[in-house]
Amino acid sequence: MALLLVLIFIVLPVAEIYVIIKVGEAIGVWPTIGLLILDGFLGAALLRHQGRAAWRRFNEALGAGKVPAREVFDGAMVILGGAFLISPGFITDVIGLLLLLPPSRAMFRGIVTRVAAGRAAFAVRTVRWGSRARDGYRGGRSTTSRTGYDYEGSAREVDEPERELPRPRTNGDS
């Protein structure tokens, strides 16, 4: 994590300055500044377009009753790509453009999925149904306590709580 922060906050800005200077030497100062301004505006427009598309797909997935995991990832990549595009510099613009374009975003999604799956670990505990484990676990999720009692309740919507609910008792009340 510390290496990533060093790369982002020290190496990347130095590399950006180097690339801007080299581009300025090749095409001139004013065309370089114009190019940086132009790609900032184009990045903002692309961010708006891709952001709306990601939001639409997110709402469609929710409407279909699906878990919108892919859509959430795409939305996060669009936000990150937009941040890279809006910041001045050619290296961050390339990274931002790759995060905003759907084909390269799908490639990033696949890489992140493989890395996350490699790092994820889980354990499954199995107990024969009805047997008592050392800690009283009976298998499955149960609403019963260790004593075997079920706790049930009911609820109703209250418009004016002061009028409809009884006042709590204090020690002085009878």
Protein backbone atom coordinates (compact mmCIF):
# COMPACT_ATOMS: atom_id res chain seq x y z
CA MET A 1 0.00 0.00 0.00
CA ALA A 2 2.83 2.40 0.83
CA LEU A 3 4.43 1.65 -2.54
CA LEU A 4 1.17 2.50 -4.29
CA LEU A 5 0.96 5.83 -2.46
CA VAL A 6 4.56 6.66 -3.39
CA LEU A 7 3.79 5.85 -7.02
CA ILE A 8 0.65 7.98 -7.06
CA PHE A 9 1.89 11.01 -5.17
CA ILE A 10 5.58 11.16 -6.10
CA VAL A 11 6.42 9.16 -9.21
CA LEU A 12 3.28 9.99 -11.24
CA PRO A 13 3.52 13.81 -10.87
CA VAL A 14 7.24 13.76 -11.76
CA ALA A 15 6.51 11.60 -14.80
CA GLU A 16 3.64 13.92 -15.80
CA ILE A 17 5.88 16.97 -15.65
CA TYR A 18 8.53 15.19 -17.70
CA VAL A 19 6.02 14.18 -20.40
CA ILE A 20 4.48 17.67 -20.51
CA ILE A 21 7.94 19.21 -20.96
CA LYS A 22 8.84 16.75 -23.73
CA VAL A 23 5.53 17.35 -25.54
CA GLY A 24 6.06 21.10 -25.14
CA GLU A 25 9.53 20.80 -26.69
CA ALA A 26 8.10 18.80 -29.60
CA ILE A 27 5.02 20.86 -30.50
CA GLY A 28 5.47 24.13 -28.58
CA VAL A 29 4.20 25.61 -25.34
CA TRP A 30 0.83 26.98 -26.51
CA PRO A 31 -0.22 23.88 -28.45
CA THR A 32 0.67 21.77 -25.38
CA ILE A 33 -1.42 23.98 -23.10
CA GLY A 34 -4.26 23.93 -25.64
CA LEU A 35 -4.06 20.15 -25.86
CA LEU A 36 -4.24 19.82 -22.07
CA ILE A 37 -7.27 22.12 -21.91
CA LEU A 38 -8.96 20.33 -24.81
CA ASP A 39 -8.50 16.88 -23.32
CA GLY A 40 -9.90 18.18 -20.01
CA PHE A 41 -13.11 19.26 -21.76
CA LEU A 42 -13.32 16.07 -23.82
CA GLY A 43 -12.73 14.05 -20.66
CA ALA A 44 -15.54 15.85 -18.86
CA ALA A 45 -17.91 15.19 -21.79
CA LEU A 46 -16.91 11.51 -21.95
CA LEU A 47 -17.30 11.23 -18.18
CA ARG A 48 -20.82 12.64 -18.37
CA HIS A 49 -21.80 10.28 -21.21
CA GLN A 50 -20.32 7.13 -19.65
CA GLY A 51 -21.57 8.10 -16.18
CA ARG A 52 -25.13 8.36 -17.43
CA ALA A 53 -24.83 5.01 -19.22
CA ALA A 54 -23.45 3.34 -16.07
CA TRP A 55 -26.24 4.86 -13.96
CA ARG A 56 -28.87 3.65 -16.44
CA ARG A 57 -27.45 0.09 -16.40
CA PHE A 58 -27.35 0.20 -12.58
CA ASN A 59 -31.04 1.14 -12.40
CA GLU A 60 -31.96 -1.50 -15.01
CA ALA A 61 -30.19 -4.18 -12.97
CA LEU A 62 -32.00 -3.10 -9.82
CA GLY A 63 -35.30 -3.05 -11.69
CA ALA A 64 -34.66 -6.59 -12.92
CA GLY A 65 -33.99 -7.74 -9.35
CA LYS A 66 -30.32 -8.54 -10.00
CA VAL A 67 -27.39 -7.64 -7.77
CA PRO A 68 -25.70 -4.78 -9.66
CA ALA A 69 -22.09 -5.80 -8.91
CA ARG A 70 -20.83 -5.21 -12.44
CA GLU A 71 -22.67 -1.91 -12.67
CA VAL A 72 -21.24 -0.69 -9.36
CA PHE A 73 -17.73 -1.57 -10.53
CA ASP A 74 -18.32 0.22 -13.83
CA GLY A 75 -19.62 3.28 -11.99
CA ALA A 76 -16.55 3.35 -9.76
CA MET A 77 -14.25 3.01 -12.78
CA VAL A 78 -16.10 5.82 -14.59
CA ILE A 79 -15.65 8.11 -11.57
CA LEU A 80 -11.98 7.19 -11.26
CA GLY A 81 -11.44 7.60 -15.01
CA GLY A 82 -13.12 10.99 -14.94
CA ALA A 83 -10.89 12.11 -12.09
CA PHE A 84 -7.83 11.03 -14.07
CA LEU A 85 -9.07 12.81 -17.21
CA ILE A 86 -9.87 16.07 -15.45
CA SER A 87 -6.44 16.24 -13.80
CA PRO A 88 -3.84 17.86 -16.07
CA GLY A 89 -1.31 15.57 -17.68
CA PHE A 90 -1.00 13.14 -20.52
CA ILE A 91 -0.28 9.96 -18.53
CA THR A 92 -3.36 10.42 -16.34
CA ASP A 93 -5.38 11.18 -19.48
CA VAL A 94 -4.41 7.85 -21.00
CA ILE A 95 -5.27 6.02 -17.77
CA GLY A 96 -8.58 7.90 -17.49
CA LEU A 97 -9.46 7.18 -21.11
CA LEU A 98 -8.79 3.47 -20.59
CA LEU A 99 -11.06 3.47 -17.53
CA LEU A 100 -13.86 5.28 -19.37
CA LEU A 101 -13.97 3.21 -22.55
CA PRO A 102 -16.16 0.09 -22.13
CA PRO A 103 -13.82 -2.47 -23.80
CA SER A 104 -10.79 -1.54 -21.69
CA ARG A 105 -12.99 -1.18 -18.60
CA ALA A 106 -14.12 -4.78 -19.14
CA MET A 107 -10.46 -5.80 -19.27
CA PHE A 108 -9.81 -4.00 -15.95
CA ARG A 109 -12.91 -5.66 -14.46
CA GLY A 110 -11.57 -9.09 -15.40
CA ILE A 111 -8.15 -8.35 -13.89
CA VAL A 112 -9.62 -6.99 -10.67
CA THR A 113 -11.99 -9.95 -10.41
CA ARG A 114 -9.14 -12.44 -10.77
CA VAL A 115 -7.00 -10.59 -8.23
CA ALA A 116 -9.90 -10.34 -5.76
CA ALA A 117 -10.79 -14.01 -6.20
CA GLY A 118 -7.17 -14.95 -5.55
CA ARG A 119 -7.10 -12.93 -2.34
CA ALA A 120 -10.51 -13.98 -1.05
CA ALA A 121 -10.71 -16.85 1.37
CA PHE A 122 -13.62 -18.23 3.29
CA ALA A 123 -14.35 -21.12 5.57
CA VAL A 124 -17.43 -23.27 5.70
CA ARG A 125 -18.45 -24.86 8.96
CA THR A 126 -20.75 -27.83 8.75
CA VAL A 127 -22.62 -29.41 11.62
CA ARG A 128 -25.06 -32.28 11.38
CA TRP A 129 -28.59 -30.91 11.71
CA GLY A 130 -29.92 -31.38 15.22
CA SER A 131 -26.55 -32.13 16.80
CA ARG A 132 -25.18 -29.89 19.51
CA ALA A 133 -21.76 -28.42 18.90
CA ARG A 134 -19.64 -27.18 21.79
CA ASP A 135 -21.03 -23.62 21.55
CA GLY A 136 -24.66 -24.66 21.09
CA TYR A 137 -24.73 -24.14 17.31
CA ARG A 138 -27.50 -26.26 15.82
CA GLY A 139 -26.79 -25.74 12.13
CA GLY A 140 -28.48 -23.26 9.91
CA ARG A 141 -29.72 -19.90 11.07
CA SER A 142 -32.36 -20.12 13.69
CA THR A 143 -34.47 -17.56 15.50
CA THR A 144 -34.58 -19.75 18.58
CA SER A 145 -32.36 -19.09 21.53
CA ARG A 146 -30.42 -21.72 23.44
CA THR A 147 -33.47 -22.28 25.62
CA GLY A 148 -35.60 -23.14 22.61
CA TYR A 149 -38.02 -20.20 22.90
CA ASP A 150 -39.14 -18.32 19.83
CA TYR A 151 -39.36 -14.57 20.08
CA GLU A 152 -42.03 -13.02 17.93
CA GLY A 153 -43.27 -9.51 17.63
CA SER A 154 -45.46 -7.28 15.59
CA ALA A 155 -45.20 -3.74 14.35
CA ARG A 156 -47.48 -1.10 12.95
CA GLU A 157 -46.91 2.32 11.48
CA VAL A 158 -47.62 5.19 13.84
CA ASP A 159 -48.50 8.62 12.47
CA GLU A 160 -48.34 10.61 15.72
CA PRO A 161 -46.26 8.78 18.33
CA GLU A 162 -47.09 11.19 21.17
CA ARG A 163 -50.79 10.50 20.85
CA GLU A 164 -50.86 6.77 20.00
CA LEU A 165 -48.11 5.24 22.14
CA PRO A 166 -48.32 4.95 25.91
CA ARG A 167 -46.01 7.18 27.92
CA PRO A 168 -43.04 5.26 29.35
CA ARG A 169 -43.24 4.55 33.06
CA THR A 170 -40.78 6.00 35.50
CA ASN A 171 -40.00 4.78 39.01
CA GLY A 172 -42.47 7.23 40.56
CA ASP A 173 -45.42 6.07 38.40
CA SER A 174 -47.88 3.48 39.67
